[in-house]
Protein backbone atom coordinates (compact mmCIF):
# COMPACT_ATOMS: atom_id res chain seq x y z
CA UNK A 1 86.79 88.57 81.26
CA UNK A 2 83.47 88.93 83.02
CA UNK A 3 81.66 92.14 82.11
CA UNK A 4 80.38 94.57 84.72
CA UNK A 5 76.78 93.90 83.65
CA UNK A 6 77.23 90.22 84.57
CA UNK A 7 78.16 90.97 88.18
CA UNK A 8 75.75 89.47 90.73
CA UNK A 9 73.02 91.67 92.21
CA UNK A 10 74.75 91.44 95.61
CA UNK A 11 77.21 94.10 94.39
CA UNK A 12 74.88 96.93 95.39
CA UNK A 13 73.99 95.05 98.56
CA UNK A 14 77.63 95.02 99.69
CA UNK A 15 77.99 98.78 99.23
CA UNK A 16 74.74 99.33 101.09
CA UNK A 17 75.76 96.93 103.87
CA UNK A 18 79.09 98.74 104.25
CA UNK A 19 77.34 102.05 104.86
CA UNK A 20 74.91 100.52 107.37
CA UNK A 21 77.64 98.70 109.32
CA UNK A 22 79.77 101.84 109.47
CA UNK A 23 76.73 103.74 110.74
CA UNK A 24 76.20 101.15 113.49
CA UNK A 25 79.87 101.22 114.50
CA UNK A 26 79.94 105.02 114.59
CA UNK A 27 77.38 104.90 117.42
CA UNK A 28 80.07 103.40 119.64
CA UNK A 29 83.44 103.98 117.94
CA UNK A 30 84.77 107.49 117.31
CA UNK A 31 86.97 107.85 114.24
CA UNK A 32 89.16 104.91 113.12
CA UNK A 33 87.51 104.96 109.67
CA UNK A 34 90.47 103.35 107.90
CA UNK A 35 90.66 100.59 110.51
CA UNK A 36 86.94 99.88 110.11
CA UNK A 37 87.19 99.75 106.32
CA UNK A 38 90.12 97.34 106.45
CA UNK A 39 88.29 95.11 108.92
CA UNK A 40 85.29 94.91 106.57
CA UNK A 41 87.53 94.20 103.59
CA UNK A 42 88.97 91.23 105.50
CA UNK A 43 85.52 90.02 106.48
CA UNK A 44 84.13 90.01 102.95
CA UNK A 45 87.37 88.54 101.53
CA UNK A 46 87.16 85.55 103.92
CA UNK A 47 90.38 86.67 105.58
CA UNK A 48 91.55 87.24 109.13
CA UNK A 49 92.85 90.47 110.61
CA UNK A 50 95.57 91.33 113.14
CA UNK A 51 95.24 94.69 114.91
CA UNK A 52 98.23 96.20 116.67
CA UNK A 53 98.18 99.17 119.01
CA UNK A 54 98.90 100.18 122.56
CA UNK A 55 96.27 99.43 125.23
CA UNK A 56 93.26 101.70 125.48
CA UNK A 57 92.62 102.40 121.78
CA UNK A 58 89.27 100.53 121.70
CA UNK A 59 90.54 97.59 119.66
CA UNK A 60 88.48 95.10 121.67
CA UNK A 61 85.44 97.39 121.71
CA UNK A 62 85.63 97.83 117.94
CA UNK A 63 85.70 94.08 117.30
CA UNK A 64 82.90 93.26 119.76
CA UNK A 65 80.75 96.04 118.30
CA UNK A 66 81.38 94.73 114.77
CA UNK A 67 80.22 91.29 115.91
CA UNK A 68 77.05 92.83 117.37
CA UNK A 69 76.33 94.56 114.05
CA UNK A 70 76.37 91.15 112.35
CA UNK A 71 73.94 88.36 113.21
CA UNK A 72 76.77 85.94 114.01
CA UNK A 73 77.95 83.86 116.97
CA UNK A 74 80.77 85.64 118.79
CA UNK A 75 83.50 84.34 121.11
CA UNK A 76 86.16 86.26 122.96
CA UNK A 77 89.38 84.50 123.99
CA UNK A 78 91.66 86.36 126.37
CA UNK A 79 95.15 85.08 125.65
CA UNK A 80 97.31 84.67 128.75
CA UNK A 81 100.68 82.96 129.41
CA UNK A 82 98.96 79.89 130.92
CA UNK A 83 96.41 79.37 128.10
CA UNK A 84 96.65 75.87 126.58
CA UNK A 85 95.62 74.71 123.07
CA UNK A 86 92.73 72.64 124.46
CA UNK A 87 91.35 75.80 126.10
CA UNK A 88 90.56 77.26 122.68
CA UNK A 89 90.02 74.18 120.50
CA UNK A 90 88.07 72.00 122.91
CA UNK A 91 88.70 68.60 124.43
CA UNK A 92 87.37 65.07 124.62
CA UNK A 93 85.83 63.84 127.85
CA UNK A 94 85.00 60.31 128.91
CA UNK A 95 81.28 59.77 129.57
CA UNK A 96 79.68 56.71 131.09
CA UNK A 97 76.20 55.52 130.22
CA UNK A 98 74.79 54.44 133.59
CA UNK A 99 72.12 52.23 132.03
CA UNK A 100 74.52 50.15 129.95
CA UNK A 101 77.81 50.82 131.69
CA UNK A 102 79.47 51.70 128.37
CA UNK A 103 81.97 54.50 128.16
CA UNK A 104 82.40 56.84 125.21
CA UNK A 105 84.48 59.85 124.37
CA UNK A 106 82.53 63.03 123.67
CA UNK A 107 84.07 66.15 122.17
CA UNK A 108 83.25 69.41 123.95
CA UNK A 109 83.69 72.36 121.61
CA UNK A 110 85.95 75.23 122.61
CA UNK A 111 85.39 78.93 121.92
CA UNK A 112 86.79 78.58 118.37
CA UNK A 113 83.42 77.13 117.35
CA UNK A 114 81.86 80.52 116.61
CA UNK A 115 81.64 82.80 113.58
CA UNK A 116 83.59 85.79 114.89
CA UNK A 117 86.56 85.08 117.15
CA UNK A 118 88.21 87.84 119.13
CA UNK A 119 91.73 86.66 120.01
CA UNK A 120 92.49 89.37 122.54
CA UNK A 121 96.18 90.15 123.16
CA UNK A 122 97.23 87.15 121.11
CA UNK A 123 100.93 87.83 121.64
CA UNK A 124 100.67 87.36 125.40
CA UNK A 125 100.51 83.57 125.12
CA UNK A 126 103.40 81.26 124.18
CA UNK A 127 103.82 80.04 120.57
CA UNK A 128 102.43 76.57 121.38
CA UNK A 129 98.97 78.01 121.96
CA UNK A 130 99.30 80.59 119.19
CA UNK A 131 100.05 77.79 116.73
CA UNK A 132 96.82 76.03 117.72
CA UNK A 133 95.04 78.66 115.64
CA UNK A 134 96.92 77.79 112.43
CA UNK A 135 94.76 74.89 111.28
CA UNK A 136 91.58 76.71 112.26
CA UNK A 137 92.53 79.85 110.32
CA UNK A 138 93.73 78.03 107.21
CA UNK A 139 91.53 74.94 106.96
CA UNK A 140 88.45 76.09 108.90
CA UNK A 141 88.73 72.94 111.01
CA UNK A 142 90.44 71.65 114.15
CA UNK A 143 91.92 68.22 114.79
CA UNK A 144 91.48 66.42 118.08
CA UNK A 145 93.21 63.07 118.06
CA UNK A 146 92.41 61.50 114.71
CA UNK A 147 89.15 63.39 114.22
CA UNK A 148 88.68 66.63 112.29
CA UNK A 149 85.90 68.95 113.43
CA UNK A 150 84.61 71.50 110.92
CA UNK A 151 84.20 75.10 112.07
CA UNK A 152 81.26 77.35 111.36
CA UNK A 153 80.97 79.33 108.15
CA UNK A 154 81.61 82.23 108.02
CA UNK A 155 84.68 82.07 110.27
CA UNK A 156 86.56 85.28 111.01
CA UNK A 157 89.49 85.66 113.44
CA UNK A 158 90.20 89.16 114.68
CA UNK A 159 93.31 89.27 116.83
CA UNK A 160 94.69 92.17 118.83
CA UNK A 161 98.24 92.54 120.01
CA UNK A 162 100.29 95.07 121.91
CA UNK A 163 103.57 96.26 120.37
CA UNK A 164 106.23 93.58 120.53
CA UNK A 165 108.61 95.90 122.39
CA UNK A 166 106.46 95.75 125.54
CA UNK A 167 107.33 93.29 128.29
CA UNK A 168 105.40 90.04 128.58
CA UNK A 169 104.76 89.59 124.85
CA UNK A 170 105.88 86.93 122.39
CA UNK A 171 106.51 87.53 118.68
CA UNK A 172 103.99 85.63 116.57
CA UNK A 173 105.45 82.78 114.48
CA UNK A 174 105.97 83.80 110.85
CA UNK A 175 103.68 81.02 109.62
CA UNK A 176 100.87 82.32 111.80
CA UNK A 177 101.37 85.92 110.76
CA UNK A 178 101.08 84.82 107.13
CA UNK A 179 97.59 83.49 107.84
CA UNK A 180 96.38 86.98 108.67
CA UNK A 181 95.21 88.80 105.56
CA UNK A 182 95.92 92.25 107.04
CA UNK A 183 97.96 93.68 109.83
CA UNK A 184 96.29 96.94 110.82
CA UNK A 185 97.85 99.64 112.98
CA UNK A 186 95.44 101.34 115.39
CA UNK A 187 96.66 104.87 116.05
CA UNK A 188 95.94 107.42 118.77
CA UNK A 189 92.83 109.56 118.12
CA UNK A 190 93.04 113.19 117.10
CA UNK A 191 92.18 115.91 119.64
CA UNK A 192 88.65 116.35 118.31
CA UNK A 193 88.07 112.58 118.34
CA UNK A 194 89.40 112.24 121.87
CA UNK A 195 87.20 115.15 122.96
CA UNK A 196 84.15 113.32 121.61
CA UNK A 197 85.30 110.07 123.25
CA UNK A 198 85.51 111.83 126.60
CA UNK A 199 81.99 113.22 126.24
CA UNK A 200 80.45 109.95 125.08
CA UNK A 201 82.03 107.60 127.59
CA UNK A 202 81.68 109.61 130.79
CA UNK A 203 77.91 109.99 130.71
CA UNK A 204 74.95 107.67 131.04
CA UNK A 205 73.95 107.32 127.38
CA UNK A 206 74.32 103.91 125.72
CA UNK A 207 74.12 102.97 122.05
CA UNK A 208 71.87 100.27 120.62
CA UNK A 209 73.48 98.17 117.89
CA UNK A 210 71.23 96.44 115.34
CA UNK A 211 72.41 93.40 113.34
CA UNK A 212 72.72 94.22 109.64
CA UNK A 213 73.65 90.93 107.95
CA UNK A 214 72.96 87.24 108.57
CA UNK A 215 75.48 84.43 108.08
CA UNK A 216 73.94 83.37 104.75
CA UNK A 217 74.01 86.96 103.47
CA UNK A 218 77.68 87.33 104.42
CA UNK A 219 78.55 84.09 102.61
CA UNK A 220 76.75 85.33 99.49
CA UNK A 221 78.60 88.65 99.63
CA UNK A 222 81.94 86.87 100.09
CA UNK A 223 81.20 84.90 96.93
CA UNK A 224 80.38 88.09 95.02
CA UNK A 225 83.81 89.52 95.89
CA UNK A 226 85.53 86.70 93.99
CA UNK A 227 83.36 87.37 90.94
CA UNK A 228 84.65 90.92 90.47
CA UNK A 229 86.61 91.15 87.19
CA UNK A 230 90.34 91.87 87.30
CA UNK A 231 92.36 93.23 84.38
CA UNK A 232 95.71 91.70 83.47
CA UNK A 233 97.40 95.04 84.13
CA UNK A 234 96.11 95.25 87.72
CA UNK A 235 97.16 91.65 88.37
CA UNK A 236 100.60 92.30 86.88
CA UNK A 237 101.03 95.46 88.95
CA UNK A 238 100.06 93.70 92.20
CA UNK A 239 102.40 90.79 91.49
CA UNK A 240 105.22 93.21 90.66
CA UNK A 241 104.84 94.95 94.04
CA UNK A 242 105.05 91.64 95.91
CA UNK A 243 107.86 90.08 93.86
CA UNK A 244 110.07 93.11 94.43
CA UNK A 245 110.19 92.25 98.16
CA UNK A 246 111.97 88.94 97.54
CA UNK A 247 115.62 89.51 98.30
CA UNK A 248 117.91 87.96 95.70
CA UNK A 249 115.23 87.72 93.03
CA UNK A 250 115.51 89.03 89.47
CA UNK A 251 114.75 92.74 89.13
CA UNK A 252 114.65 93.41 92.87
CA UNK A 253 115.69 97.06 93.55
CA UNK A 254 118.88 97.76 95.46
CA UNK A 255 117.13 99.38 98.42
CA UNK A 256 115.18 96.16 99.00
CA UNK A 257 118.30 94.01 98.89
CA UNK A 258 120.03 96.38 101.30
CA UNK A 259 117.16 96.77 103.79
CA UNK A 260 115.10 93.57 103.76
CA UNK A 261 116.06 90.19 105.16
CA UNK A 262 113.00 88.35 103.85
CA UNK A 263 110.17 88.98 101.41
CA UNK A 264 106.51 88.04 100.95
CA UNK A 265 105.22 84.79 99.47
CA UNK A 266 102.39 84.02 97.01
CA UNK A 267 99.72 84.31 99.72
CA UNK A 268 100.43 88.05 99.75
CA UNK A 269 99.41 88.28 96.08
CA UNK A 270 96.22 86.33 96.70
CA UNK A 271 95.18 88.48 99.64
CA UNK A 272 96.15 91.71 97.89
CA UNK A 273 93.97 90.94 94.87
CA UNK A 274 91.04 89.68 96.96
CA UNK A 275 91.28 92.76 99.16
CA UNK A 276 91.25 95.03 96.13
CA UNK A 277 88.10 93.35 94.83
CA UNK A 278 86.35 93.76 98.18
CA UNK A 279 87.49 97.38 98.50
CA UNK A 280 86.07 98.17 95.07
CA UNK A 281 82.65 96.74 95.95
CA UNK A 282 82.59 98.41 99.36
CA UNK A 283 83.13 101.75 97.60
CA UNK A 284 80.38 101.04 95.08
CA UNK A 285 82.64 100.16 92.15
CA UNK A 286 82.50 97.03 90.00
CA UNK A 287 86.14 97.16 88.92
CA UNK A 288 89.56 97.22 90.61
CA UNK A 289 91.94 100.15 90.18
CA UNK A 290 95.64 100.78 90.77
CA UNK A 291 94.64 102.93 93.75
CA UNK A 292 93.12 99.85 95.41
CA UNK A 293 96.45 98.02 95.15
CA UNK A 294 98.37 101.01 96.48
CA UNK A 295 95.96 101.47 99.40
CA UNK A 296 96.15 97.84 100.53
CA UNK A 297 99.82 97.08 99.88
CA UNK A 298 100.86 98.13 103.40
CA UNK A 299 98.32 96.11 105.47
CA UNK A 300 98.97 93.05 103.29
CA UNK A 301 102.78 93.25 103.27
CA UNK A 302 103.90 94.88 106.54
CA UNK A 303 103.80 91.60 108.51
CA UNK A 304 105.14 89.48 105.64
CA UNK A 305 108.43 91.26 105.06
CA UNK A 306 111.30 91.30 107.54
CA UNK A 307 113.47 94.41 107.83
CA UNK A 308 117.18 93.65 108.27
CA UNK A 309 118.83 94.44 111.59
CA UNK A 310 121.08 97.19 110.19
CA UNK A 311 118.20 98.93 108.40
CA UNK A 312 115.94 98.64 111.44
CA UNK A 313 118.59 100.22 113.64
CA UNK A 314 118.58 103.19 111.24
CA UNK A 315 114.82 103.67 111.62
CA UNK A 316 113.74 101.89 108.43
CA UNK A 317 110.29 100.29 108.74
CA UNK A 318 108.33 97.85 106.63
CA UNK A 319 105.86 100.63 105.76
CA UNK A 320 108.62 102.96 104.53
CA UNK A 321 109.94 100.24 102.22
CA UNK A 322 106.43 99.55 100.90
CA UNK A 323 105.92 103.26 100.18
CA UNK A 324 109.19 103.33 98.28
CA UNK A 325 108.15 100.30 96.25
CA UNK A 326 104.90 102.02 95.27
CA UNK A 327 106.77 105.20 94.31
CA UNK A 328 109.23 103.30 92.09
CA UNK A 329 106.72 100.98 90.38
CA UNK A 330 105.16 102.52 87.23
CA UNK A 331 101.37 102.65 87.45
CA UNK A 332 100.69 102.98 83.72
CA UNK A 333 100.60 99.74 81.76
CA UNK A 334 102.96 100.81 78.98
CA UNK A 335 105.58 102.13 81.40
CA UNK A 336 105.37 98.98 83.51
CA UNK A 337 105.65 96.48 80.67
CA UNK A 338 108.41 98.40 78.83
CA UNK A 339 110.62 98.96 81.87
CA UNK A 340 113.67 96.62 81.52
CA UNK A 341 113.75 95.87 85.26
CA UNK A 342 110.12 94.80 85.32
CA UNK A 343 110.53 92.82 82.10
CA UNK A 344 113.11 90.83 84.05
CA UNK A 345 110.64 90.34 86.92
CA UNK A 346 107.86 89.19 84.59
CA UNK A 347 110.18 86.79 82.75
CA UNK A 348 111.59 85.16 85.89
């Protein structure tokens, strides 16, 4: 295992950058500290983030302000029912050379060819266009005809969506949801926060946002996240949380079998561990703790598990099941490894 003293010098830089970015965002955004932290964890883990909340909670403003605080190219795509895949990927056009009379196809890049992509109200466009993002999010490239075009690095998709229950929205395909590292809920502000929002936004004052990090610095910090050491116990605990969501598997608790229709796949484990490493560095630590896993289990898993119809009708949510999993999974190494149910999970 890599020792803490061998960690790259960018460790301190990430903690410092976190504080500076939060300071920049606080000039425009009131509250939403947990949302901001989870966005930054996604960014430095090379993941993508899906934000859900009703209109008017500053989701779009938060993302655009984050882009301004980073020295990166930014594109905003407003998803509508008539948006086509070529509108976001780009298209080939036929050009004629007047001097020679020859004709050639030239690819015109779409808005995906930026570093930070705001996919605004992503669930307002049909699945055909939503699925056009899959290759970009997973492979960092797009295919047009037989040609693959590489996207910029870093590449970060931040998507917003309104609650599925509202009219005019389409549920995201499961495969696309799995490409998002986190699903983050944006909640209503408290009274004091809304009071400050009212004062800030109804006057003439404007905030200046200064870029904190360049693209090369972000890439270096993303690399440093993967170099954070991880103990076998933390890895085993994270895997145990995820494997318990798989209905029909060995050692799965009864409440999961009764309430879930589908569980999370291996990508959930990968994102959970990467997120924990980033969270540790953002908080100025060079090691991952059980608390990191517990804090990030919900944003990693809530869009990867499917609550059964009967349980959903009784008010059971993905978050309530995740909380119950955390409560019933021993945090101490000896208790976890000696528990017969978890011995079954680890042996399967």
